[in-house]
C-alpha atoms as a PDB file:
ATOM      1  CA  UNK A   1     -61.468  41.945  58.396  1.00  0.00           C
ATOM      2  CA  UNK A   2     -57.566  41.699  57.183  1.00  0.00           C
ATOM      3  CA  UNK A   3     -55.150  39.043  58.902  1.00  0.00           C
ATOM      4  CA  UNK A   4     -53.874  41.427  61.527  1.00  0.00           C
ATOM      5  CA  UNK A   5     -57.064  41.993  62.941  1.00  0.00           C
ATOM      6  CA  UNK A   6     -58.267  38.500  62.338  1.00  0.00           C
ATOM      7  CA  UNK A   7     -54.973  37.181  64.013  1.00  0.00           C
ATOM      8  CA  UNK A   8     -54.875  39.407  66.885  1.00  0.00           C
ATOM      9  CA  UNK A   9     -58.859  38.299  67.631  1.00  0.00           C
ATOM     10  CA  UNK A  10     -57.678  34.603  67.525  1.00  0.00           C
ATOM     11  CA  UNK A  11     -55.024  35.251  69.754  1.00  0.00           C
ATOM     12  CA  UNK A  12     -57.584  36.570  72.142  1.00  0.00           C
ATOM     13  CA  UNK A  13     -59.906  33.825  71.640  1.00  0.00           C
ATOM     14  CA  UNK A  14     -57.541  31.321  72.294  1.00  0.00           C
ATOM     15  CA  UNK A  15     -56.150  32.663  75.269  1.00  0.00           C
ATOM     16  CA  UNK A  16     -59.323  33.082  76.574  1.00  0.00           C
ATOM     17  CA  UNK A  17     -60.389  29.441  76.129  1.00  0.00           C
ATOM     18  CA  UNK A  18     -57.070  28.317  77.403  1.00  0.00           C
ATOM     19  CA  UNK A  19     -57.650  30.498  80.649  1.00  0.00           C
ATOM     20  CA  UNK A  20     -61.196  29.432  81.241  1.00  0.00           C
ATOM     21  CA  UNK A  21     -60.373  26.383  82.997  1.00  0.00           C
ATOM     22  CA  UNK A  22     -57.311  26.301  85.359  1.00  0.00           C
ATOM     23  CA  UNK A  23     -57.475  23.118  86.976  1.00  0.00           C
ATOM     24  CA  UNK A  24     -54.365  20.837  86.001  1.00  0.00           C
ATOM     25  CA  UNK A  25     -57.167  18.713  83.802  1.00  0.00           C
ATOM     26  CA  UNK A  26     -60.385  19.776  82.419  1.00  0.00           C
ATOM     27  CA  UNK A  27     -63.141  17.579  80.453  1.00  0.00           C
ATOM     28  CA  UNK A  28     -64.759  19.545  77.634  1.00  0.00           C
ATOM     29  CA  UNK A  29     -68.539  18.520  77.491  1.00  0.00           C
ATOM     30  CA  UNK A  30     -69.878  17.071  73.623  1.00  0.00           C
ATOM     31  CA  UNK A  31     -66.788  18.303  72.172  1.00  0.00           C
ATOM     32  CA  UNK A  32     -64.790  17.366  69.303  1.00  0.00           C
ATOM     33  CA  UNK A  33     -60.752  17.715  68.823  1.00  0.00           C
ATOM     34  CA  UNK A  34     -60.151  17.138  64.617  1.00  0.00           C
ATOM     35  CA  UNK A  35     -56.809  16.202  64.026  1.00  0.00           C
ATOM     36  CA  UNK A  36     -55.013  16.966  60.631  1.00  0.00           C
ATOM     37  CA  UNK A  37     -51.916  15.181  58.998  1.00  0.00           C
ATOM     38  CA  UNK A  38     -50.837  17.389  56.676  1.00  0.00           C
ATOM     39  CA  UNK A  39     -50.745  21.384  55.656  1.00  0.00           C
ATOM     40  CA  UNK A  40     -52.932  20.118  52.893  1.00  0.00           C
ATOM     41  CA  UNK A  41     -55.619  19.004  55.234  1.00  0.00           C
ATOM     42  CA  UNK A  42     -55.384  21.854  57.037  1.00  0.00           C
ATOM     43  CA  UNK A  43     -55.768  24.538  54.285  1.00  0.00           C
ATOM     44  CA  UNK A  44     -58.800  22.588  53.355  1.00  0.00           C
ATOM     45  CA  UNK A  45     -60.102  21.723  56.371  1.00  0.00           C
ATOM     46  CA  UNK A  46     -60.314  17.865  55.993  1.00  0.00           C
ATOM     47  CA  UNK A  47     -59.199  16.221  58.775  1.00  0.00           C
ATOM     48  CA  UNK A  48     -57.887  12.891  59.064  1.00  0.00           C
ATOM     49  CA  UNK A  49     -59.126  12.008  63.099  1.00  0.00           C
ATOM     50  CA  UNK A  50     -61.304  13.317  65.084  1.00  0.00           C
ATOM     51  CA  UNK A  51     -61.803  12.479  69.224  1.00  0.00           C
ATOM     52  CA  UNK A  52     -65.002  13.403  71.278  1.00  0.00           C
ATOM     53  CA  UNK A  53     -65.310  14.654  74.448  1.00  0.00           C
ATOM     54  CA  UNK A  54     -61.490  14.491  75.119  1.00  0.00           C
ATOM     55  CA  UNK A  55     -59.845  15.637  78.586  1.00  0.00           C
ATOM     56  CA  UNK A  56     -57.934  18.779  78.007  1.00  0.00           C
ATOM     57  CA  UNK A  57     -54.490  19.479  80.785  1.00  0.00           C
ATOM     58  CA  UNK A  58     -54.487  22.909  80.219  1.00  0.00           C
ATOM     59  CA  UNK A  59     -51.006  22.909  81.395  1.00  0.00           C
ATOM     60  CA  UNK A  60     -50.835  26.924  80.409  1.00  0.00           C
ATOM     61  CA  UNK A  61     -52.895  29.072  78.344  1.00  0.00           C
ATOM     62  CA  UNK A  62     -49.914  28.110  75.542  1.00  0.00           C
ATOM     63  CA  UNK A  63     -49.487  24.622  75.951  1.00  0.00           C
ATOM     64  CA  UNK A  64     -51.913  21.701  76.420  1.00  0.00           C
ATOM     65  CA  UNK A  65     -52.235  18.361  76.196  1.00  0.00           C
ATOM     66  CA  UNK A  66     -55.296  15.902  75.075  1.00  0.00           C
ATOM     67  CA  UNK A  67     -55.771  13.109  77.412  1.00  0.00           C
ATOM     68  CA  UNK A  68     -57.927   9.860  77.041  1.00  0.00           C
ATOM     69  CA  UNK A  69     -57.574   6.549  79.044  1.00  0.00           C
ATOM     70  CA  UNK A  70     -55.341   4.972  76.177  1.00  0.00           C
ATOM     71  CA  UNK A  71     -51.804   6.330  76.912  1.00  0.00           C
ATOM     72  CA  UNK A  72     -50.879   4.726  73.521  1.00  0.00           C
ATOM     73  CA  UNK A  73     -53.915   6.913  71.975  1.00  0.00           C
ATOM     74  CA  UNK A  74     -52.345   9.676  73.966  1.00  0.00           C
ATOM     75  CA  UNK A  75     -48.902   9.622  72.448  1.00  0.00           C
ATOM     76  CA  UNK A  76     -50.030   9.393  68.740  1.00  0.00           C
ATOM     77  CA  UNK A  77     -52.343  12.404  69.354  1.00  0.00           C
ATOM     78  CA  UNK A  78     -48.873  14.515  69.882  1.00  0.00           C
ATOM     79  CA  UNK A  79     -46.522  12.351  67.660  1.00  0.00           C
ATOM     80  CA  UNK A  80     -49.022  11.537  64.641  1.00  0.00           C
ATOM     81  CA  UNK A  81     -50.169  14.673  63.938  1.00  0.00           C
ATOM     82  CA  UNK A  82     -49.644  18.141  62.841  1.00  0.00           C
ATOM     83  CA  UNK A  83     -52.323  20.083  64.310  1.00  0.00           C
ATOM     84  CA  UNK A  84     -55.364  19.912  66.274  1.00  0.00           C
ATOM     85  CA  UNK A  85     -58.572  22.230  66.018  1.00  0.00           C
ATOM     86  CA  UNK A  86     -61.316  22.714  68.919  1.00  0.00           C
ATOM     87  CA  UNK A  87     -64.169  24.025  67.389  1.00  0.00           C
ATOM     88  CA  UNK A  88     -63.265  25.838  63.743  1.00  0.00           C
ATOM     89  CA  UNK A  89     -61.354  28.465  64.470  1.00  0.00           C
ATOM     90  CA  UNK A  90     -58.871  27.678  67.391  1.00  0.00           C
ATOM     91  CA  UNK A  91     -55.593  25.975  65.652  1.00  0.00           C
ATOM     92  CA  UNK A  92     -52.697  24.157  67.680  1.00  0.00           C
ATOM     93  CA  UNK A  93     -49.520  22.807  66.409  1.00  0.00           C
ATOM     94  CA  UNK A  94     -48.018  19.889  67.834  1.00  0.00           C
ATOM     95  CA  UNK A  95     -44.585  20.760  69.465  1.00  0.00           C
ATOM     96  CA  UNK A  96     -43.320  16.984  68.388  1.00  0.00           C
ATOM     97  CA  UNK A  97     -44.206  17.877  64.356  1.00  0.00           C
ATOM     98  CA  UNK A  98     -42.315  21.253  64.903  1.00  0.00           C
ATOM     99  CA  UNK A  99     -39.153  19.989  66.789  1.00  0.00           C
ATOM    100  CA  UNK A 100     -38.573  16.905  63.969  1.00  0.00           C
ATOM    101  CA  UNK A 101     -39.455  19.418  60.975  1.00  0.00           C
ATOM    102  CA  UNK A 102     -37.621  22.595  61.893  1.00  0.00           C
ATOM    103  CA  UNK A 103     -34.468  24.070  63.122  1.00  0.00           C
ATOM    104  CA  UNK A 104     -33.855  27.045  65.207  1.00  0.00           C
ATOM    105  CA  UNK A 105     -35.930  28.267  68.505  1.00  0.00           C
ATOM    106  CA  UNK A 106     -38.289  25.143  69.361  1.00  0.00           C
ATOM    107  CA  UNK A 107     -36.654  23.547  72.364  1.00  0.00           C
ATOM    108  CA  UNK A 108     -39.139  25.351  74.569  1.00  0.00           C
ATOM    109  CA  UNK A 109     -42.136  24.517  72.711  1.00  0.00           C
ATOM    110  CA  UNK A 110     -44.204  22.002  74.720  1.00  0.00           C
ATOM    111  CA  UNK A 111     -47.636  19.944  74.043  1.00  0.00           C
ATOM    112  CA  UNK A 112     -50.259  21.475  71.636  1.00  0.00           C
ATOM    113  CA  UNK A 113     -49.304  25.558  71.117  1.00  0.00           C
ATOM    114  CA  UNK A 114     -51.509  27.931  69.216  1.00  0.00           C
ATOM    115  CA  UNK A 115     -51.042  28.332  65.914  1.00  0.00           C
ATOM    116  CA  UNK A 116     -52.113  31.246  63.650  1.00  0.00           C
ATOM    117  CA  UNK A 117     -51.692  30.578  59.647  1.00  0.00           C
ATOM    118  CA  UNK A 118     -52.901  31.404  56.218  1.00  0.00           C
ATOM    119  CA  UNK A 119     -51.664  29.967  53.108  1.00  0.00           C
ATOM    120  CA  UNK A 120     -48.429  31.834  53.270  1.00  0.00           C
ATOM    121  CA  UNK A 121     -47.314  32.270  56.381  1.00  0.00           C
ATOM    122  CA  UNK A 122     -47.704  30.509  60.016  1.00  0.00           C
ATOM    123  CA  UNK A 123     -46.618  31.822  63.547  1.00  0.00           C
ATOM    124  CA  UNK A 124     -47.032  30.107  66.911  1.00  0.00           C
ATOM    125  CA  UNK A 125     -47.619  31.852  70.208  1.00  0.00           C
ATOM    126  CA  UNK A 126     -45.514  30.666  73.312  1.00  0.00           C
ATOM    127  CA  UNK A 127     -44.966  31.866  76.937  1.00  0.00           C
ATOM    128  CA  UNK A 128     -42.810  30.478  79.628  1.00  0.00           C
ATOM    129  CA  UNK A 129     -44.306  29.795  82.850  1.00  0.00           C
ATOM    130  CA  UNK A 130     -41.906  28.914  85.604  1.00  0.00           C
ATOM    131  CA  UNK A 131     -42.591  27.051  88.618  1.00  0.00           C
ATOM    132  CA  UNK A 132     -44.424  29.863  90.579  1.00  0.00           C
ATOM    133  CA  UNK A 133     -46.538  30.911  87.396  1.00  0.00           C
ATOM    134  CA  UNK A 134     -47.378  27.438  87.034  1.00  0.00           C
ATOM    135  CA  UNK A 135     -49.118  27.276  90.860  1.00  0.00           C
ATOM    136  CA  UNK A 136     -50.759  30.535  90.191  1.00  0.00           C
ATOM    137  CA  UNK A 137     -52.387  29.200  87.135  1.00  0.00           C
ATOM    138  CA  UNK A 138     -53.141  25.807  88.448  1.00  0.00           C
ATOM    139  CA  UNK A 139     -55.140  27.605  91.792  1.00  0.00           C
ATOM    140  CA  UNK A 140     -57.290  29.260  88.974  1.00  0.00           C
ATOM    141  CA  UNK A 141     -55.707  32.476  89.042  1.00  0.00           C
ATOM    142  CA  UNK A 142     -54.593  34.487  85.598  1.00  0.00           C
ATOM    143  CA  UNK A 143     -51.129  35.039  84.967  1.00  0.00           C
ATOM    144  CA  UNK A 144     -50.066  38.075  83.188  1.00  0.00           C
ATOM    145  CA  UNK A 145     -47.241  36.683  80.858  1.00  0.00           C
ATOM    146  CA  UNK A 146     -46.625  38.163  77.420  1.00  0.00           C
ATOM    147  CA  UNK A 147     -45.949  35.298  74.481  1.00  0.00           C
ATOM    148  CA  UNK A 148     -43.666  35.526  72.234  1.00  0.00           C
ATOM    149  CA  UNK A 149     -44.378  34.955  68.384  1.00  0.00           C
ATOM    150  CA  UNK A 150     -42.662  32.107  67.038  1.00  0.00           C
ATOM    151  CA  UNK A 151     -42.370  32.528  63.279  1.00  0.00           C
ATOM    152  CA  UNK A 152     -42.424  29.285  60.944  1.00  0.00           C
ATOM    153  CA  UNK A 153     -40.001  29.790  57.797  1.00  0.00           C
ATOM    154  CA  UNK A 154     -40.820  26.842  55.341  1.00  0.00           C
ATOM    155  CA  UNK A 155     -38.107  27.813  53.132  1.00  0.00           C
ATOM    156  CA  UNK A 156     -35.425  27.055  55.387  1.00  0.00           C
ATOM    157  CA  UNK A 157     -37.125  25.005  57.974  1.00  0.00           C
ATOM    158  CA  UNK A 158     -36.672  27.188  60.681  1.00  0.00           C
ATOM    159  CA  UNK A 159     -38.203  28.413  63.573  1.00  0.00           C
ATOM    160  CA  UNK A 160     -37.662  32.293  64.806  1.00  0.00           C
ATOM    161  CA  UNK A 161     -38.439  33.806  67.907  1.00  0.00           C
ATOM    162  CA  UNK A 162     -39.146  37.467  66.929  1.00  0.00           C
ATOM    163  CA  UNK A 163     -37.034  39.384  68.906  1.00  0.00           C
ATOM    164  CA  UNK A 164     -36.205  43.020  68.317  1.00  0.00           C
ATOM    165  CA  UNK A 165     -32.786  41.500  66.093  1.00  0.00           C
ATOM    166  CA  UNK A 166     -35.351  38.894  64.162  1.00  0.00           C
ATOM    167  CA  UNK A 167     -37.616  41.285  63.378  1.00  0.00           C
ATOM    168  CA  UNK A 168     -35.363  43.782  61.674  1.00  0.00           C
ATOM    169  CA  UNK A 169     -34.005  40.581  60.065  1.00  0.00           C
ATOM    170  CA  UNK A 170     -37.408  39.757  58.544  1.00  0.00           C
ATOM    171  CA  UNK A 171     -37.998  43.181  57.440  1.00  0.00           C
ATOM    172  CA  UNK A 172     -35.202  43.357  55.218  1.00  0.00           C
ATOM    173  CA  UNK A 173     -37.545  42.173  52.659  1.00  0.00           C
ATOM    174  CA  UNK A 174     -39.959  45.442  52.926  1.00  0.00           C
ATOM    175  CA  UNK A 175     -37.066  48.291  53.200  1.00  0.00           C
ATOM    176  CA  UNK A 176     -39.390  50.764  54.227  1.00  0.00           C
ATOM    177  CA  UNK A 177     -41.021  48.814  57.285  1.00  0.00           C
ATOM    178  CA  UNK A 178     -37.702  48.425  58.564  1.00  0.00           C
ATOM    179  CA  UNK A 179     -36.300  52.027  58.365  1.00  0.00           C
ATOM    180  CA  UNK A 180     -39.833  52.757  60.282  1.00  0.00           C
ATOM    181  CA  UNK A 181     -39.214  49.795  62.659  1.00  0.00           C
ATOM    182  CA  UNK A 182     -35.787  50.255  63.232  1.00  0.00           C
ATOM    183  CA  UNK A 183     -36.504  54.395  64.249  1.00  0.00           C
ATOM    184  CA  UNK A 184     -39.137  53.749  66.844  1.00  0.00           C
ATOM    185  CA  UNK A 185     -37.638  54.877  70.055  1.00  0.00           C
ATOM    186  CA  UNK A 186     -39.386  52.032  71.750  1.00  0.00           C
ATOM    187  CA  UNK A 187     -38.748  49.562  69.316  1.00  0.00           C
ATOM    188  CA  UNK A 188     -37.887  46.733  71.897  1.00  0.00           C
ATOM    189  CA  UNK A 189     -41.288  46.932  73.297  1.00  0.00           C
ATOM    190  CA  UNK A 190     -43.517  44.304  73.086  1.00  0.00           C
ATOM    191  CA  UNK A 191     -46.377  45.987  71.443  1.00  0.00           C
ATOM    192  CA  UNK A 192     -44.249  47.445  69.172  1.00  0.00           C
ATOM    193  CA  UNK A 193     -42.836  44.549  68.045  1.00  0.00           C
ATOM    194  CA  UNK A 194     -46.232  42.592  67.807  1.00  0.00           C
ATOM    195  CA  UNK A 195     -47.205  46.105  65.560  1.00  0.00           C
ATOM    196  CA  UNK A 196     -44.858  45.684  63.108  1.00  0.00           C
ATOM    197  CA  UNK A 197     -44.778  41.800  63.226  1.00  0.00           C
ATOM    198  CA  UNK A 198     -48.197  42.022  62.275  1.00  0.00           C
ATOM    199  CA  UNK A 199     -47.246  44.651  59.344  1.00  0.00           C
ATOM    200  CA  UNK A 200     -44.844  41.945  58.176  1.00  0.00           C
ATOM    201  CA  UNK A 201     -47.123  39.086  58.038  1.00  0.00           C
ATOM    202  CA  UNK A 202     -49.627  41.529  56.183  1.00  0.00           C
ATOM    203  CA  UNK A 203     -46.755  42.102  53.550  1.00  0.00           C
ATOM    204  CA  UNK A 204     -45.915  38.489  52.958  1.00  0.00           C
ATOM    205  CA  UNK A 205     -49.784  37.732  52.458  1.00  0.00           C
ATOM    206  CA  UNK A 206     -49.802  39.909  49.764  1.00  0.00           C
ATOM    207  CA  UNK A 207     -46.251  39.649  48.251  1.00  0.00           C
ATOM    208  CA  UNK A 208     -47.218  37.628  44.856  1.00  0.00           C
ATOM    209  CA  UNK A 209     -43.544  36.662  45.065  1.00  0.00           C
ATOM    210  CA  UNK A 210     -43.733  35.085  48.401  1.00  0.00           C
ATOM    211  CA  UNK A 211     -44.443  31.306  47.961  1.00  0.00           C
ATOM    212  CA  UNK A 212     -47.295  29.418  49.364  1.00  0.00           C
ATOM    213  CA  UNK A 213     -46.880  27.087  52.495  1.00  0.00           C
ATOM    214  CA  UNK A 214     -48.309  24.258  50.317  1.00  0.00           C
ATOM    215  CA  UNK A 215     -45.221  24.898  47.390  1.00  0.00           C
ATOM    216  CA  UNK A 216     -42.689  24.169  50.291  1.00  0.00           C
ATOM    217  CA  UNK A 217     -44.205  21.274  52.544  1.00  0.00           C
ATOM    218  CA  UNK A 218     -43.801  17.923  51.345  1.00  0.00           C
ATOM    219  CA  UNK A 219     -47.427  16.356  52.784  1.00  0.00           C
ATOM    220  CA  UNK A 220     -46.380  12.881  52.182  1.00  0.00           C
ATOM    221  CA  UNK A 221     -43.440  13.501  54.807  1.00  0.00           C
ATOM    222  CA  UNK A 222     -45.255  16.023  57.324  1.00  0.00           C
ATOM    223  CA  UNK A 223     -45.030  13.816  60.298  1.00  0.00           C
ATOM    224  CA  UNK A 224     -41.473  12.357  59.754  1.00  0.00           C
END
């Protein structure tokens, strides 16, 4: 399965998982959350810590918190780690880590948010829920929100919300894709942005000139 199809599947899995229970706090029975302090640990699936049978506060399908009865531990789970996994396929990244280590479009991110990555690229998905959206969601009803992509630029330590203009800028490295995208009549539509963003991810992944994430991230300062 290519990265485009795999990431699209993981997006659906993440949204489905977060939408199963719309209560403000739920218990996940006999489940384990694994925490990672570095990208090296993430790439090699070697977690730093784990918590069994946590509570998960599903704020929105794109913003969750892990909770225990220990407030200090709750704070540490968000502040002391880069990412977490539920099971072996659903990845989430700490917004605290992102805000400390990246500039750009980070202000709206809160809690843990869905993360998708390979050895060369990483991006988050996030959607803003207003008060009415939250009320609808907390009452157990689905909320039809199209999430935005947030691309993580490790070269410049910058997070880029993928708007039409931002996508055009990203595609400058692949002129054929840029020309095709900018020539699309409906280039501002979310489905067109999604399609060409995944095309960009595929190109970067296969581009031997692009550095690996581990070449750009200093693991020993990943959470500072």
